[in-house]
């Protein structure tokens, strides 16, 4: 599986090389991540439409094998280790960059840019999560329902409360991506940045669509 992934990234990089030159493989990683998230989008949409919190975690769990493939490929695959993003090898880690010119050297600046982008995405996620939690807590209580459906209604309200709490806490976990990006190869950090940004944008889009439908 790792060999197949390596070949796929190499071929995508070759397609992009005429335009992006040295950074083509880095762009191939971003493109590959987008393709993975597009494939998982129907599952994310179904989870958003009212499934349980466990279903909402499923897209994240399904991405773990992809992340480990990325980590393994850029830790050991000789065919990929020489590729770079600007001045930094895709197989390098933050601590490697510190030894090659310090935090403001050619490699260090690439990592600082990655960390800054992840921090922006995490902050955006946290702000949106707090707003969603505040809106949910400020929403008026549901109208009374017949006794025959009371149990189902109570369960639904319970699930909504759990989702409200998770909505306020889970976005904060995005900041943990910064720590992970500092210890994994740069290629894996690019994957984390892309998939985290996709998750936040996807959630915002689904919430906006849900709000539009509720007003119709």
N, C-alpha and C. Protein backbone atom coordinates (compact mmCIF):
# COMPACT_ATOMS: atom_id res chain seq x y z
N UNK A 1 0.83 -1.21 0.00
CA UNK A 1 0.00 0.00 0.00
C UNK A 1 0.87 1.26 0.00
N UNK A 2 1.96 1.21 0.76
CA UNK A 2 2.86 2.35 0.82
C UNK A 2 3.49 2.61 -0.55
N UNK A 3 3.81 1.52 -1.28
CA UNK A 3 4.40 1.66 -2.61
C UNK A 3 3.41 2.32 -3.57
N UNK A 4 2.14 1.89 -3.48
CA UNK A 4 1.10 2.48 -4.33
C UNK A 4 0.95 3.96 -4.04
N UNK A 5 0.94 4.32 -2.76
CA UNK A 5 0.81 5.73 -2.38
C UNK A 5 1.99 6.54 -2.91
N UNK A 6 3.20 5.99 -2.78
CA UNK A 6 4.39 6.68 -3.25
C UNK A 6 4.32 6.94 -4.75
N UNK A 7 3.93 5.91 -5.51
CA UNK A 7 3.82 6.07 -6.96
C UNK A 7 2.77 7.11 -7.32
N UNK A 8 1.65 7.11 -6.58
CA UNK A 8 0.57 8.06 -6.86
C UNK A 8 1.05 9.49 -6.66
N UNK A 9 1.72 9.75 -5.54
CA UNK A 9 2.21 11.09 -5.26
C UNK A 9 3.26 11.51 -6.29
N UNK A 10 4.14 10.58 -6.65
CA UNK A 10 5.17 10.89 -7.65
C UNK A 10 4.54 11.26 -8.99
N UNK A 11 3.54 10.50 -9.42
CA UNK A 11 2.90 10.78 -10.70
C UNK A 11 2.14 12.09 -10.67
N UNK A 12 1.44 12.37 -9.56
CA UNK A 12 0.76 13.67 -9.43
C UNK A 12 1.76 14.81 -9.47
N UNK A 13 2.91 14.60 -8.82
CA UNK A 13 3.95 15.62 -8.83
C UNK A 13 4.49 15.88 -10.22
N UNK A 14 4.64 14.82 -11.00
CA UNK A 14 5.13 14.99 -12.37
C UNK A 14 4.14 15.77 -13.22
N UNK A 15 2.86 15.56 -12.99
CA UNK A 15 1.85 16.31 -13.74
C UNK A 15 1.91 17.80 -13.41
N UNK A 16 2.22 18.12 -12.16
CA UNK A 16 2.23 19.51 -11.71
C UNK A 16 3.59 20.19 -11.90
N UNK A 17 4.62 19.40 -12.18
CA UNK A 17 5.99 19.94 -12.25
C UNK A 17 6.17 21.05 -13.27
N UNK A 18 5.55 20.98 -14.45
CA UNK A 18 5.75 22.08 -15.41
C UNK A 18 5.31 23.44 -14.88
N UNK A 19 4.37 23.44 -13.95
CA UNK A 19 3.85 24.71 -13.42
C UNK A 19 4.54 25.08 -12.11
N UNK A 20 4.76 24.09 -11.24
CA UNK A 20 5.22 24.38 -9.89
C UNK A 20 6.66 24.00 -9.62
N UNK A 21 7.32 23.40 -10.61
CA UNK A 21 8.74 23.07 -10.52
C UNK A 21 9.06 22.30 -9.24
N UNK A 22 9.97 22.84 -8.41
CA UNK A 22 10.47 22.12 -7.25
C UNK A 22 9.38 21.80 -6.23
N UNK A 23 8.34 22.62 -6.15
CA UNK A 23 7.30 22.42 -5.15
C UNK A 23 6.14 21.57 -5.67
N UNK A 24 6.33 20.89 -6.80
CA UNK A 24 5.24 20.12 -7.40
C UNK A 24 4.79 18.97 -6.50
N UNK A 25 5.72 18.30 -5.85
CA UNK A 25 5.34 17.17 -4.99
C UNK A 25 4.55 17.66 -3.78
N UNK A 26 4.93 18.82 -3.23
CA UNK A 26 4.16 19.39 -2.12
C UNK A 26 2.73 19.69 -2.56
N UNK A 27 2.59 20.25 -3.77
CA UNK A 27 1.25 20.51 -4.31
C UNK A 27 0.50 19.21 -4.55
N UNK A 28 1.23 18.15 -4.94
CA UNK A 28 0.60 16.84 -5.14
C UNK A 28 0.02 16.30 -3.83
N UNK A 29 0.69 16.56 -2.73
CA UNK A 29 0.18 16.13 -1.42
C UNK A 29 -1.12 16.85 -1.10
N UNK A 30 -1.14 18.16 -1.36
CA UNK A 30 -2.36 18.94 -1.12
C UNK A 30 -3.50 18.41 -2.00
N UNK A 31 -3.20 18.17 -3.27
CA UNK A 31 -4.21 17.66 -4.20
C UNK A 31 -4.71 16.29 -3.77
N UNK A 32 -3.80 15.43 -3.35
CA UNK A 32 -4.17 14.10 -2.88
C UNK A 32 -5.09 14.20 -1.66
N UNK A 33 -4.76 15.11 -0.74
CA UNK A 33 -5.59 15.29 0.46
C UNK A 33 -6.99 15.76 0.09
N UNK A 34 -7.07 16.69 -0.85
CA UNK A 34 -8.38 17.18 -1.30
C UNK A 34 -9.20 16.04 -1.91
N UNK A 35 -8.56 15.18 -2.68
CA UNK A 35 -9.27 14.05 -3.29
C UNK A 35 -9.79 13.09 -2.21
N UNK A 36 -8.99 12.86 -1.18
CA UNK A 36 -9.43 12.01 -0.08
C UNK A 36 -10.64 12.62 0.62
N UNK A 37 -10.58 13.93 0.88
CA UNK A 37 -11.69 14.58 1.57
C UNK A 37 -12.94 14.65 0.70
N UNK A 38 -12.76 14.79 -0.61
CA UNK A 38 -13.92 14.75 -1.50
C UNK A 38 -14.60 13.38 -1.43
N UNK A 39 -13.80 12.33 -1.38
CA UNK A 39 -14.36 10.98 -1.29
C UNK A 39 -15.11 10.77 0.03
N UNK A 40 -14.65 11.44 1.10
CA UNK A 40 -15.29 11.28 2.41
C UNK A 40 -16.44 12.27 2.64
N UNK A 41 -16.60 13.22 1.71
CA UNK A 41 -17.62 14.26 1.93
C UNK A 41 -19.03 13.71 2.12
N UNK A 42 -19.50 12.71 1.35
CA UNK A 42 -20.85 12.19 1.60
C UNK A 42 -21.02 11.67 3.03
N UNK A 43 -19.98 11.06 3.56
CA UNK A 43 -20.05 10.57 4.94
C UNK A 43 -20.10 11.72 5.92
N UNK A 44 -19.31 12.76 5.67
CA UNK A 44 -19.32 13.94 6.55
C UNK A 44 -20.68 14.62 6.50
N UNK A 45 -21.27 14.70 5.32
CA UNK A 45 -22.58 15.33 5.17
C UNK A 45 -23.65 14.54 5.90
N UNK A 46 -23.59 13.21 5.81
CA UNK A 46 -24.57 12.37 6.50
C UNK A 46 -24.43 12.52 8.01
N UNK A 47 -23.18 12.58 8.50
CA UNK A 47 -22.95 12.74 9.93
C UNK A 47 -23.48 14.08 10.43
N UNK A 48 -23.30 15.14 9.61
CA UNK A 48 -23.74 16.47 10.01
C UNK A 48 -25.26 16.56 10.11
N UNK A 49 -25.95 15.78 9.29
CA UNK A 49 -27.40 15.88 9.23
C UNK A 49 -28.12 15.27 10.43
N UNK A 50 -27.40 14.91 11.45
CA UNK A 50 -28.10 14.48 12.65
C UNK A 50 -27.70 13.15 13.20
N UNK A 51 -26.64 12.59 12.66
CA UNK A 51 -26.18 11.33 13.21
C UNK A 51 -25.55 11.58 14.58
N UNK A 52 -25.14 10.52 15.24
CA UNK A 52 -24.59 10.62 16.58
C UNK A 52 -23.18 11.19 16.53
N UNK A 53 -22.62 11.63 17.68
CA UNK A 53 -21.24 12.11 17.70
C UNK A 53 -20.25 11.07 17.21
N UNK A 54 -20.54 9.79 17.44
CA UNK A 54 -19.64 8.74 16.98
C UNK A 54 -19.53 8.76 15.45
N UNK A 55 -20.67 8.94 14.79
CA UNK A 55 -20.66 9.02 13.33
C UNK A 55 -19.87 10.23 12.86
N UNK A 56 -19.92 11.31 13.62
CA UNK A 56 -19.17 12.49 13.26
C UNK A 56 -17.66 12.28 13.32
N UNK A 57 -17.21 11.33 14.15
CA UNK A 57 -15.78 11.04 14.26
C UNK A 57 -15.30 10.09 13.18
N UNK A 58 -16.23 9.43 12.47
CA UNK A 58 -15.86 8.42 11.50
C UNK A 58 -14.96 8.95 10.39
N UNK A 59 -15.26 10.13 9.79
CA UNK A 59 -14.36 10.65 8.74
C UNK A 59 -12.93 10.84 9.25
N UNK A 60 -12.79 11.26 10.50
CA UNK A 60 -11.44 11.44 11.07
C UNK A 60 -10.73 10.10 11.19
N UNK A 61 -11.44 9.09 11.67
CA UNK A 61 -10.85 7.76 11.85
C UNK A 61 -10.42 7.16 10.51
N UNK A 62 -11.22 7.40 9.47
CA UNK A 62 -10.90 6.85 8.16
C UNK A 62 -9.69 7.52 7.53
N UNK A 63 -9.34 8.71 8.02
CA UNK A 63 -8.17 9.41 7.49
C UNK A 63 -6.86 8.94 8.13
N UNK A 64 -6.96 8.28 9.27
CA UNK A 64 -5.74 7.88 9.98
C UNK A 64 -4.83 6.99 9.14
N UNK A 65 -5.37 5.96 8.43
CA UNK A 65 -4.48 5.16 7.59
C UNK A 65 -3.76 6.00 6.53
N UNK A 66 -4.45 6.99 5.98
CA UNK A 66 -3.84 7.86 4.97
C UNK A 66 -2.69 8.65 5.60
N UNK A 67 -2.92 9.16 6.79
CA UNK A 67 -1.88 9.94 7.47
C UNK A 67 -0.66 9.07 7.76
N UNK A 68 -0.88 7.84 8.21
CA UNK A 68 0.25 6.96 8.51
C UNK A 68 1.01 6.57 7.25
N UNK A 69 0.30 6.41 6.13
CA UNK A 69 0.97 6.15 4.85
C UNK A 69 1.85 7.33 4.47
N UNK A 70 1.32 8.54 4.65
CA UNK A 70 2.08 9.75 4.36
C UNK A 70 3.33 9.81 5.24
N UNK A 71 3.15 9.52 6.51
CA UNK A 71 4.27 9.57 7.46
C UNK A 71 5.34 8.55 7.07
N UNK A 72 4.91 7.34 6.77
CA UNK A 72 5.87 6.29 6.43
C UNK A 72 6.59 6.60 5.12
N UNK A 73 5.84 7.07 4.12
CA UNK A 73 6.44 7.33 2.82
C UNK A 73 7.52 8.40 2.89
N UNK A 74 7.27 9.46 3.65
CA UNK A 74 8.24 10.56 3.72
C UNK A 74 9.24 10.38 4.86
N UNK A 75 9.20 9.22 5.49
CA UNK A 75 10.22 8.88 6.48
C UNK A 75 11.21 7.88 5.92
N UNK A 76 10.78 7.09 4.92
CA UNK A 76 11.64 5.99 4.45
C UNK A 76 11.75 5.86 2.94
N UNK A 77 10.75 6.31 2.18
CA UNK A 77 10.77 6.11 0.72
C UNK A 77 11.81 7.02 0.08
N UNK A 78 12.90 6.43 -0.42
CA UNK A 78 13.99 7.21 -1.00
C UNK A 78 13.53 8.06 -2.18
N UNK A 79 12.51 7.59 -2.88
CA UNK A 79 12.04 8.29 -4.07
C UNK A 79 11.41 9.64 -3.73
N UNK A 80 10.98 9.82 -2.48
CA UNK A 80 10.29 11.05 -2.09
C UNK A 80 11.13 11.96 -1.21
N UNK A 81 12.16 11.42 -0.59
CA UNK A 81 12.89 12.17 0.42
C UNK A 81 13.61 13.39 -0.14
N UNK A 82 13.94 13.39 -1.42
CA UNK A 82 14.67 14.51 -1.99
C UNK A 82 13.79 15.66 -2.44
N UNK A 83 12.48 15.49 -2.44
CA UNK A 83 11.58 16.55 -2.90
C UNK A 83 11.46 17.64 -1.83
N UNK A 84 11.19 18.87 -2.31
CA UNK A 84 11.21 20.02 -1.40
C UNK A 84 9.97 20.89 -1.56
N UNK A 85 9.71 21.65 -0.51
CA UNK A 85 8.76 22.77 -0.57
C UNK A 85 9.59 24.02 -0.34
N UNK A 86 9.78 24.80 -1.40
CA UNK A 86 10.71 25.93 -1.36
C UNK A 86 12.09 25.41 -0.93
N UNK A 87 12.58 25.81 0.25
CA UNK A 87 13.92 25.36 0.63
C UNK A 87 13.95 24.19 1.58
N UNK A 88 12.81 23.63 1.93
CA UNK A 88 12.78 22.59 2.96
C UNK A 88 12.44 21.23 2.36
N UNK A 89 13.21 20.19 2.67
CA UNK A 89 12.88 18.83 2.21
C UNK A 89 11.56 18.37 2.83
N UNK A 90 10.74 17.69 2.04
CA UNK A 90 9.44 17.23 2.54
C UNK A 90 9.59 16.16 3.61
N UNK A 91 10.74 15.52 3.67
CA UNK A 91 10.96 14.53 4.72
C UNK A 91 11.57 15.11 5.99
N UNK A 92 11.87 16.43 5.99
CA UNK A 92 12.50 17.06 7.15
C UNK A 92 11.47 17.36 8.23
N UNK A 93 11.96 17.45 9.45
CA UNK A 93 11.14 17.82 10.61
C UNK A 93 11.59 19.19 11.13
N UNK A 94 10.77 19.74 12.03
CA UNK A 94 11.07 21.06 12.58
C UNK A 94 12.44 21.10 13.24
N UNK A 95 12.78 20.02 13.96
CA UNK A 95 14.06 20.01 14.66
C UNK A 95 15.22 19.94 13.66
N UNK A 96 14.99 19.30 12.51
CA UNK A 96 16.01 19.32 11.46
C UNK A 96 16.23 20.73 10.95
N UNK A 97 15.13 21.47 10.78
CA UNK A 97 15.22 22.84 10.29
C UNK A 97 15.98 23.74 11.27
N UNK A 98 15.81 23.49 12.56
CA UNK A 98 16.51 24.29 13.55
C UNK A 98 18.01 24.11 13.45
N UNK A 99 18.43 22.92 13.02
CA UNK A 99 19.85 22.66 12.86
C UNK A 99 20.40 23.12 11.52
N UNK A 100 19.55 23.61 10.64
CA UNK A 100 19.96 24.08 9.31
C UNK A 100 19.63 25.56 9.14
N UNK A 101 20.22 26.36 10.00
CA UNK A 101 20.02 27.80 9.87
C UNK A 101 19.10 28.40 10.91
N UNK A 102 18.57 27.58 11.83
CA UNK A 102 17.72 28.10 12.88
C UNK A 102 16.30 28.38 12.41
N UNK A 103 15.45 28.93 13.28
CA UNK A 103 14.05 29.15 12.93
C UNK A 103 13.82 30.12 11.78
N UNK A 104 14.79 30.99 11.51
CA UNK A 104 14.63 31.97 10.44
C UNK A 104 15.51 31.67 9.24
N UNK A 105 16.03 30.45 9.19
CA UNK A 105 16.76 30.01 8.01
C UNK A 105 15.79 29.64 6.90
N UNK A 106 16.32 29.17 5.79
CA UNK A 106 15.48 28.83 4.63
C UNK A 106 14.45 27.76 4.99
N UNK A 107 14.89 26.71 5.70
CA UNK A 107 13.97 25.64 6.08
C UNK A 107 13.07 26.09 7.22
N UNK A 108 13.64 26.82 8.17
CA UNK A 108 12.87 27.28 9.32
C UNK A 108 11.69 28.15 8.93
N UNK A 109 11.88 29.00 7.96
CA UNK A 109 10.80 29.89 7.51
C UNK A 109 9.65 29.11 6.89
N UNK A 110 9.96 28.02 6.19
CA UNK A 110 8.89 27.18 5.62
C UNK A 110 8.05 26.58 6.73
N UNK A 111 8.71 26.09 7.77
CA UNK A 111 7.97 25.52 8.89
C UNK A 111 7.18 26.59 9.64
N UNK A 112 7.76 27.77 9.81
CA UNK A 112 7.04 28.84 10.48
C UNK A 112 5.78 29.23 9.69
N UNK A 113 5.90 29.24 8.37
CA UNK A 113 4.72 29.51 7.54
C UNK A 113 3.65 28.44 7.71
N UNK A 114 4.09 27.17 7.78
CA UNK A 114 3.15 26.07 8.01
C UNK A 114 2.46 26.22 9.36
N UNK A 115 3.24 26.51 10.40
CA UNK A 115 2.66 26.67 11.74
C UNK A 115 1.68 27.84 11.79
N UNK A 116 2.03 28.93 11.13
CA UNK A 116 1.15 30.10 11.12
C UNK A 116 -0.18 29.77 10.43
N UNK A 117 -0.11 29.05 9.32
CA UNK A 117 -1.34 28.67 8.61
C UNK A 117 -2.21 27.75 9.45
N UNK A 118 -1.58 26.78 10.13
CA UNK A 118 -2.35 25.87 10.99
C UNK A 118 -2.99 26.65 12.14
N UNK A 119 -2.26 27.61 12.72
CA UNK A 119 -2.79 28.41 13.81
C UNK A 119 -4.00 29.23 13.37
N UNK A 120 -3.94 29.79 12.16
CA UNK A 120 -5.08 30.56 11.62
C UNK A 120 -6.30 29.67 11.47
N UNK A 121 -6.10 28.48 10.90
CA UNK A 121 -7.22 27.55 10.71
C UNK A 121 -7.79 27.13 12.06
N UNK A 122 -6.91 26.84 13.03
CA UNK A 122 -7.37 26.43 14.36
C UNK A 122 -8.15 27.55 15.04
N UNK A 123 -7.67 28.79 14.91
CA UNK A 123 -8.38 29.92 15.51
C UNK A 123 -9.75 30.10 14.87
N UNK A 124 -9.80 29.98 13.55
CA UNK A 124 -11.08 30.08 12.84
C UNK A 124 -12.04 28.99 13.31
N UNK A 125 -11.53 27.78 13.47
CA UNK A 125 -12.35 26.67 13.94
C UNK A 125 -12.88 26.93 15.34
N UNK A 126 -12.00 27.45 16.22
CA UNK A 126 -12.41 27.71 17.59
C UNK A 126 -13.49 28.79 17.67
N UNK A 127 -13.31 29.85 16.87
CA UNK A 127 -14.30 30.93 16.87
C UNK A 127 -15.65 30.44 16.39
N UNK A 128 -15.65 29.68 15.30
CA UNK A 128 -16.90 29.16 14.76
C UNK A 128 -17.56 28.19 15.75
N UNK A 129 -16.74 27.36 16.41
CA UNK A 129 -17.29 26.42 17.38
C UNK A 129 -17.95 27.11 18.55
N UNK A 130 -17.33 28.18 19.04
CA UNK A 130 -17.92 28.93 20.17
C UNK A 130 -19.21 29.63 19.75
N UNK A 131 -19.22 30.17 18.54
CA UNK A 131 -20.44 30.83 18.06
C UNK A 131 -21.58 29.82 17.91
N UNK A 132 -21.24 28.62 17.37
CA UNK A 132 -22.26 27.60 17.21
C UNK A 132 -22.79 27.13 18.56
N UNK A 133 -21.88 26.98 19.54
CA UNK A 133 -22.31 26.56 20.87
C UNK A 133 -23.18 27.62 21.52
N UNK A 134 -22.81 28.91 21.34
CA UNK A 134 -23.59 30.01 21.91
C UNK A 134 -24.97 30.08 21.27
N UNK A 135 -25.04 29.91 19.96
CA UNK A 135 -26.32 29.94 19.26
C UNK A 135 -27.22 28.81 19.69
N UNK A 136 -26.62 27.63 19.90
CA UNK A 136 -27.41 26.48 20.32
C UNK A 136 -27.97 26.67 21.72
N UNK A 137 -27.16 27.23 22.62
CA UNK A 137 -27.63 27.43 24.00
C UNK A 137 -28.66 28.54 24.08
N UNK A 138 -28.61 29.50 23.13
CA UNK A 138 -29.56 30.61 23.14
C UNK A 138 -30.84 30.29 22.39
N UNK A 139 -30.90 29.16 21.71
CA UNK A 139 -32.08 28.79 20.93
C UNK A 139 -33.26 28.52 21.85
N UNK A 140 -34.50 28.88 21.45
CA UNK A 140 -35.66 28.62 22.29
C UNK A 140 -35.92 27.13 22.42
N UNK A 141 -36.52 26.69 23.53
CA UNK A 141 -36.81 25.27 23.72
C UNK A 141 -37.79 24.77 22.68
N UNK A 142 -37.69 23.49 22.40
CA UNK A 142 -38.57 22.89 21.40
C UNK A 142 -40.01 22.88 21.89
N UNK A 143 -40.93 22.93 20.95
CA UNK A 143 -42.35 22.91 21.29
C UNK A 143 -42.73 21.56 21.89
N UNK A 144 -43.74 21.51 22.79
CA UNK A 144 -44.17 20.25 23.37
C UNK A 144 -44.64 19.30 22.29
N UNK A 145 -44.43 18.00 22.54
CA UNK A 145 -44.83 16.97 21.59
C UNK A 145 -45.74 15.99 22.29
N UNK A 146 -46.53 15.22 21.56
CA UNK A 146 -47.40 14.23 22.18
C UNK A 146 -46.62 13.25 23.04
N UNK A 147 -47.31 12.68 24.03
CA UNK A 147 -46.67 11.78 24.97
C UNK A 147 -46.11 10.54 24.29
N UNK A 148 -46.73 10.12 23.20
CA UNK A 148 -46.29 8.89 22.53
C UNK A 148 -44.91 9.05 21.91
N UNK A 149 -44.53 10.29 21.64
CA UNK A 149 -43.21 10.51 21.04
C UNK A 149 -42.26 11.19 22.02
N UNK A 150 -42.65 11.26 23.28
CA UNK A 150 -41.85 11.96 24.28
C UNK A 150 -40.47 11.36 24.44
N UNK A 151 -40.37 10.02 24.47
CA UNK A 151 -39.08 9.37 24.67
C UNK A 151 -38.13 9.69 23.53
N UNK A 152 -38.64 9.63 22.29
CA UNK A 152 -37.80 9.93 21.14
C UNK A 152 -37.36 11.38 21.16
N UNK A 153 -38.29 12.29 21.59
CA UNK A 153 -37.95 13.70 21.65
C UNK A 153 -36.88 13.96 22.69
N UNK A 154 -36.99 13.27 23.86
CA UNK A 154 -36.01 13.46 24.91
C UNK A 154 -34.63 13.00 24.43
N UNK A 155 -34.61 11.88 23.72
CA UNK A 155 -33.34 11.38 23.21
C UNK A 155 -32.74 12.37 22.22
N UNK A 156 -33.59 12.94 21.39
CA UNK A 156 -33.10 13.91 20.42
C UNK A 156 -32.52 15.14 21.12
N UNK A 157 -33.20 15.62 22.15
CA UNK A 157 -32.70 16.77 22.91
C UNK A 157 -31.38 16.43 23.59
N UNK A 158 -31.27 15.20 24.06
CA UNK A 158 -30.03 14.75 24.71
C UNK A 158 -28.88 14.77 23.72
N UNK A 159 -29.15 14.25 22.53
CA UNK A 159 -28.13 14.23 21.50
C UNK A 159 -27.73 15.66 21.11
N UNK A 160 -28.70 16.55 21.03
CA UNK A 160 -28.40 17.93 20.68
C UNK A 160 -27.51 18.58 21.73
N UNK A 161 -27.74 18.26 23.00
CA UNK A 161 -26.93 18.83 24.06
C UNK A 161 -25.49 18.33 23.98
N UNK A 162 -25.34 17.03 23.68
CA UNK A 162 -24.00 16.46 23.53
C UNK A 162 -23.27 17.11 22.36
N UNK A 163 -23.99 17.26 21.24
CA UNK A 163 -23.39 17.88 20.07
C UNK A 163 -23.02 19.34 20.34
N UNK A 164 -23.85 20.04 21.14
CA UNK A 164 -23.55 21.43 21.47
C UNK A 164 -22.25 21.52 22.26
N UNK A 165 -22.09 20.62 23.24
CA UNK A 165 -20.87 20.64 24.05
C UNK A 165 -19.64 20.27 23.21
N UNK A 166 -19.81 19.27 22.35
CA UNK A 166 -18.70 18.88 21.50
C UNK A 166 -18.33 20.00 20.53
N UNK A 167 -19.34 20.73 20.08
CA UNK A 167 -19.09 21.84 19.17
C UNK A 167 -18.23 22.91 19.80
N UNK A 168 -18.29 23.05 21.13
CA UNK A 168 -17.47 24.05 21.80
C UNK A 168 -16.08 23.55 22.14
N UNK A 169 -15.92 22.22 22.25
CA UNK A 169 -14.64 21.66 22.68
C UNK A 169 -13.79 21.18 21.52
N UNK A 170 -14.40 20.48 20.57
CA UNK A 170 -13.63 19.87 19.49
C UNK A 170 -12.80 20.85 18.68
N UNK A 171 -13.33 22.07 18.36
CA UNK A 171 -12.48 22.99 17.59
C UNK A 171 -11.16 23.32 18.27
N UNK A 172 -11.15 23.31 19.62
CA UNK A 172 -9.92 23.62 20.34
C UNK A 172 -8.85 22.56 20.09
N UNK A 173 -9.28 21.34 19.76
CA UNK A 173 -8.33 20.28 19.49
C UNK A 173 -7.51 20.56 18.24
N UNK A 174 -8.00 21.46 17.40
CA UNK A 174 -7.25 21.80 16.19
C UNK A 174 -5.88 22.38 16.53
N UNK A 175 -5.78 23.04 17.70
CA UNK A 175 -4.49 23.59 18.09
C UNK A 175 -3.48 22.48 18.37
N UNK A 176 -3.97 21.28 18.70
CA UNK A 176 -3.05 20.15 18.88
C UNK A 176 -2.35 19.76 17.60
N UNK A 177 -2.92 20.16 16.47
CA UNK A 177 -2.29 19.90 15.17
C UNK A 177 -0.95 20.60 15.09
N UNK A 178 -0.80 21.74 15.75
CA UNK A 178 0.48 22.46 15.76
C UNK A 178 1.59 21.60 16.35
N UNK A 179 1.28 20.92 17.45
CA UNK A 179 2.27 20.08 18.10
C UNK A 179 2.64 18.91 17.20
N UNK A 180 1.62 18.31 16.60
CA UNK A 180 1.88 17.18 15.71
C UNK A 180 2.73 17.60 14.52
N UNK A 181 2.40 18.76 13.93
CA UNK A 181 3.13 19.23 12.76
C UNK A 181 4.60 19.51 13.07
N UNK A 182 4.91 19.76 14.34
CA UNK A 182 6.30 20.06 14.72
C UNK A 182 7.16 18.81 14.83
N UNK A 183 6.54 17.64 14.92
CA UNK A 183 7.32 16.41 15.13
C UNK A 183 7.24 15.43 13.97
N UNK A 184 6.34 15.67 13.01
CA UNK A 184 6.23 14.78 11.85
C UNK A 184 6.93 15.41 10.65
N UNK A 185 7.20 14.64 9.59
CA UNK A 185 7.80 15.24 8.39
C UNK A 185 6.94 16.37 7.82
N UNK A 186 7.59 17.27 7.12
CA UNK A 186 6.90 18.42 6.54
C UNK A 186 5.73 17.98 5.66
N UNK A 187 5.90 16.89 4.92
CA UNK A 187 4.82 16.39 4.06
C UNK A 187 3.58 16.05 4.88
N UNK A 188 3.77 15.40 6.01
CA UNK A 188 2.64 15.07 6.87
C UNK A 188 2.01 16.33 7.45
N UNK A 189 2.85 17.34 7.74
CA UNK A 189 2.31 18.62 8.21
C UNK A 189 1.44 19.29 7.17
N UNK A 190 1.84 19.18 5.90
CA UNK A 190 1.01 19.73 4.82
C UNK A 190 -0.33 19.01 4.75
N UNK A 191 -0.29 17.71 4.93
CA UNK A 191 -1.54 16.94 4.93
C UNK A 191 -2.44 17.40 6.08
N UNK A 192 -1.86 17.58 7.26
CA UNK A 192 -2.65 18.02 8.42
C UNK A 192 -3.26 19.40 8.18
N UNK A 193 -2.48 20.31 7.62
CA UNK A 193 -3.00 21.65 7.34
C UNK A 193 -4.16 21.58 6.36
N UNK A 194 -3.98 20.82 5.28
CA UNK A 194 -5.02 20.76 4.25
C UNK A 194 -6.30 20.12 4.76
N UNK A 195 -6.16 19.00 5.48
CA UNK A 195 -7.37 18.30 5.93
C UNK A 195 -8.07 19.08 7.04
N UNK A 196 -7.31 19.79 7.89
CA UNK A 196 -7.93 20.61 8.93
C UNK A 196 -8.68 21.79 8.32
N UNK A 197 -8.05 22.45 7.35
CA UNK A 197 -8.72 23.57 6.68
C UNK A 197 -9.98 23.09 5.96
N UNK A 198 -9.90 21.92 5.33
CA UNK A 198 -11.07 21.36 4.66
C UNK A 198 -12.19 21.11 5.67
N UNK A 199 -11.84 20.53 6.82
CA UNK A 199 -12.87 20.21 7.84
C UNK A 199 -13.60 21.46 8.30
N UNK A 200 -12.84 22.52 8.57
CA UNK A 200 -13.46 23.76 9.05
C UNK A 200 -14.34 24.38 7.96
N UNK A 201 -13.82 24.44 6.72
CA UNK A 201 -14.60 25.01 5.63
C UNK A 201 -15.83 24.16 5.32
N UNK A 202 -15.67 22.85 5.37
CA UNK A 202 -16.80 21.94 5.11
C UNK A 202 -17.89 22.11 6.15
N UNK A 203 -17.49 22.21 7.42
CA UNK A 203 -18.47 22.39 8.49
C UNK A 203 -19.19 23.73 8.35
N UNK A 204 -18.44 24.78 8.00
CA UNK A 204 -19.07 26.09 7.80
C UNK A 204 -20.07 26.05 6.65
N UNK A 205 -19.71 25.37 5.57
CA UNK A 205 -20.60 25.27 4.41
C UNK A 205 -21.86 24.47 4.75
N UNK A 206 -21.69 23.37 5.47
CA UNK A 206 -22.86 22.56 5.85
C UNK A 206 -23.77 23.31 6.81
N UNK A 207 -23.19 24.06 7.73
CA UNK A 207 -24.01 24.85 8.65
C UNK A 207 -24.76 25.94 7.92
N UNK A 208 -24.10 26.57 6.94
CA UNK A 208 -24.76 27.62 6.17
C UNK A 208 -25.91 27.03 5.35
N UNK A 209 -25.71 25.88 4.74
CA UNK A 209 -26.77 25.24 3.98
C UNK A 209 -27.92 24.81 4.87
N UNK A 210 -27.58 24.32 6.08
CA UNK A 210 -28.62 23.93 7.02
C UNK A 210 -29.45 25.11 7.45
N UNK A 211 -28.78 26.27 7.67
CA UNK A 211 -29.51 27.47 8.04
C UNK A 211 -30.42 27.97 6.94
N UNK A 212 -29.96 27.87 5.70
CA UNK A 212 -30.79 28.30 4.56
C UNK A 212 -32.04 27.43 4.44
N UNK A 213 -31.86 26.12 4.62
CA UNK A 213 -33.01 25.22 4.49
C UNK A 213 -34.03 25.45 5.59
N UNK A 214 -33.52 25.78 6.81
CA UNK A 214 -34.45 25.97 7.93
C UNK A 214 -35.30 27.22 7.76
N UNK A 215 -34.84 28.15 6.91
CA UNK A 215 -35.62 29.38 6.72
C UNK A 215 -36.62 29.26 5.56
N UNK A 216 -36.53 28.16 4.81
CA UNK A 216 -37.45 27.99 3.68
C UNK A 216 -38.82 27.50 4.14
